[in-house]
Amino acid sequence: MNEKYISQENKLNETLKKLVIARIEASMSPMLKLSIGSDGSLTKEQMINHVRDGDNIGRRIIQTHLNFVKAQATGHLIAALNTVQ
């Protein structure tokens, strides 16, 4: 891999981290906890720390947010909500 590609990938990763952290800060109450599989419950601050660190849990949180945004953008979220009665 060349250095330019690695630099662009690092910038993208940092941008995604900032986006997800902003979404968590804006939409999650500090009183709530999120359970991620067998990793236990995470507070808002713990989620933000994992995203900042870029560890396995942080990457899963980022991927979940990306999946949600993609579902919104493609209309899949609205279609799924419209099927709920």
C-alpha atoms as a PDB file:
ATOM      1  CA  MET A   1       0.000   0.000   0.000  1.00  0.00           C
ATOM      2  CA  ASN A   2       1.227   3.442  -0.703  1.00  0.00           C
ATOM      3  CA  GLU A   3       1.430   6.184   1.900  1.00  0.00           C
ATOM      4  CA  LYS A   4      -1.230   8.332   0.213  1.00  0.00           C
ATOM      5  CA  TYR A   5      -3.799   5.520   0.440  1.00  0.00           C
ATOM      6  CA  ILE A   6      -2.987   4.857   4.104  1.00  0.00           C
ATOM      7  CA  SER A   7      -3.240   8.570   4.873  1.00  0.00           C
ATOM      8  CA  GLN A   8      -6.652   8.814   3.179  1.00  0.00           C
ATOM      9  CA  GLU A   9      -7.879   5.716   5.020  1.00  0.00           C
ATOM     10  CA  ASN A  10      -6.745   7.154   8.360  1.00  0.00           C
ATOM     11  CA  LYS A  11      -8.546  10.436   7.610  1.00  0.00           C
ATOM     12  CA  LEU A  12     -11.708   8.507   6.733  1.00  0.00           C
ATOM     13  CA  ASN A  13     -11.486   6.478   9.949  1.00  0.00           C
ATOM     14  CA  GLU A  14     -11.035   9.641  12.022  1.00  0.00           C
ATOM     15  CA  THR A  15     -13.956  11.300  10.217  1.00  0.00           C
ATOM     16  CA  LEU A  16     -16.175   8.276  10.893  1.00  0.00           C
ATOM     17  CA  LYS A  17     -15.172   8.303  14.555  1.00  0.00           C
ATOM     18  CA  LYS A  18     -16.055  11.999  14.841  1.00  0.00           C
ATOM     19  CA  LEU A  19     -19.393  11.437  13.092  1.00  0.00           C
ATOM     20  CA  VAL A  20     -20.364   8.534  15.343  1.00  0.00           C
ATOM     21  CA  ILE A  21     -19.256  10.358  18.495  1.00  0.00           C
ATOM     22  CA  ALA A  22     -21.347  13.377  17.457  1.00  0.00           C
ATOM     23  CA  ARG A  23     -24.368  11.114  16.840  1.00  0.00           C
ATOM     24  CA  ILE A  24     -23.952   9.444  20.255  1.00  0.00           C
ATOM     25  CA  GLU A  25     -23.554  12.782  22.030  1.00  0.00           C
ATOM     26  CA  ALA A  26     -26.604  14.260  20.295  1.00  0.00           C
ATOM     27  CA  SER A  27     -28.992  11.334  20.525  1.00  0.00           C
ATOM     28  CA  MET A  28     -28.192   9.298  23.612  1.00  0.00           C
ATOM     29  CA  SER A  29     -29.277  10.235  27.098  1.00  0.00           C
ATOM     30  CA  PRO A  30     -26.540   9.887  29.712  1.00  0.00           C
ATOM     31  CA  MET A  31     -29.070   7.929  31.773  1.00  0.00           C
ATOM     32  CA  LEU A  32     -29.297   5.106  29.191  1.00  0.00           C
ATOM     33  CA  LYS A  33     -27.015   2.135  28.696  1.00  0.00           C
ATOM     34  CA  LEU A  34     -26.523   0.118  25.539  1.00  0.00           C
ATOM     35  CA  SER A  35     -25.990  -3.627  25.567  1.00  0.00           C
ATOM     36  CA  ILE A  36     -23.729  -4.997  22.852  1.00  0.00           C
ATOM     37  CA  GLY A  37     -23.897  -8.779  22.762  1.00  0.00           C
ATOM     38  CA  SER A  38     -21.940 -10.461  25.511  1.00  0.00           C
ATOM     39  CA  ASP A  39     -19.800  -7.363  26.148  1.00  0.00           C
ATOM     40  CA  GLY A  40     -22.200  -6.089  28.802  1.00  0.00           C
ATOM     41  CA  SER A  41     -23.878  -2.711  29.119  1.00  0.00           C
ATOM     42  CA  LEU A  42     -22.097   0.478  28.122  1.00  0.00           C
ATOM     43  CA  THR A  43     -22.762   4.018  29.237  1.00  0.00           C
ATOM     44  CA  LYS A  44     -22.674   6.910  26.805  1.00  0.00           C
ATOM     45  CA  GLU A  45     -19.135   7.819  27.894  1.00  0.00           C
ATOM     46  CA  GLN A  46     -17.926   4.242  27.606  1.00  0.00           C
ATOM     47  CA  MET A  47     -19.300   4.035  24.058  1.00  0.00           C
ATOM     48  CA  ILE A  48     -17.553   7.266  23.107  1.00  0.00           C
ATOM     49  CA  ASN A  49     -14.284   6.011  24.619  1.00  0.00           C
ATOM     50  CA  HIS A  50     -14.471   2.743  22.673  1.00  0.00           C
ATOM     51  CA  VAL A  51     -15.116   4.630  19.433  1.00  0.00           C
ATOM     52  CA  ARG A  52     -12.195   6.999  20.132  1.00  0.00           C
ATOM     53  CA  ASP A  53      -9.908   4.065  20.914  1.00  0.00           C
ATOM     54  CA  GLY A  54     -10.949   2.251  17.743  1.00  0.00           C
ATOM     55  CA  ASP A  55     -11.015  -1.079  19.544  1.00  0.00           C
ATOM     56  CA  ASN A  56     -13.240  -4.023  18.589  1.00  0.00           C
ATOM     57  CA  ILE A  57     -16.271  -2.678  20.457  1.00  0.00           C
ATOM     58  CA  GLY A  58     -15.719   0.796  18.997  1.00  0.00           C
ATOM     59  CA  ARG A  59     -15.544  -0.619  15.466  1.00  0.00           C
ATOM     60  CA  ARG A  60     -18.800  -2.514  16.057  1.00  0.00           C
ATOM     61  CA  ILE A  61     -20.477   0.684  17.280  1.00  0.00           C
ATOM     62  CA  ILE A  62     -19.232   2.547  14.198  1.00  0.00           C
ATOM     63  CA  GLN A  63     -20.459  -0.227  11.875  1.00  0.00           C
ATOM     64  CA  THR A  64     -23.878  -0.199  13.547  1.00  0.00           C
ATOM     65  CA  HIS A  65     -24.185   3.555  13.040  1.00  0.00           C
ATOM     66  CA  LEU A  66     -23.087   3.241   9.400  1.00  0.00           C
ATOM     67  CA  ASN A  67     -25.667   0.509   8.811  1.00  0.00           C
ATOM     68  CA  PHE A  68     -28.375   2.732  10.298  1.00  0.00           C
ATOM     69  CA  VAL A  69     -27.388   5.722   8.144  1.00  0.00           C
ATOM     70  CA  LYS A  70     -27.311   3.497   5.027  1.00  0.00           C
ATOM     71  CA  ALA A  71     -30.777   2.149   5.882  1.00  0.00           C
ATOM     72  CA  GLN A  72     -32.056   5.709   6.180  1.00  0.00           C
ATOM     73  CA  ALA A  73     -30.434   6.805   2.921  1.00  0.00           C
ATOM     74  CA  THR A  74     -31.714   3.867   0.891  1.00  0.00           C
ATOM     75  CA  GLY A  75     -35.241   3.981   2.293  1.00  0.00           C
ATOM     76  CA  HIS A  76     -34.939   0.548   3.897  1.00  0.00           C
ATOM     77  CA  LEU A  77     -35.573   1.985   7.355  1.00  0.00           C
ATOM     78  CA  ILE A  78     -38.846   3.637   6.324  1.00  0.00           C
ATOM     79  CA  ALA A  79     -39.928   0.502   4.479  1.00  0.00           C
ATOM     80  CA  ALA A  80     -39.286  -1.613   7.568  1.00  0.00           C
ATOM     81  CA  LEU A  81     -41.102   0.855   9.812  1.00  0.00           C
ATOM     82  CA  ASN A  82     -44.070   0.912   7.449  1.00  0.00           C
ATOM     83  CA  THR A  83     -44.457  -2.853   7.758  1.00  0.00           C
ATOM     84  CA  VAL A  84     -44.785  -2.698  11.549  1.00  0.00           C
ATOM     85  CA  GLN A  85     -48.381  -2.667  12.720  1.00  0.00           C
END
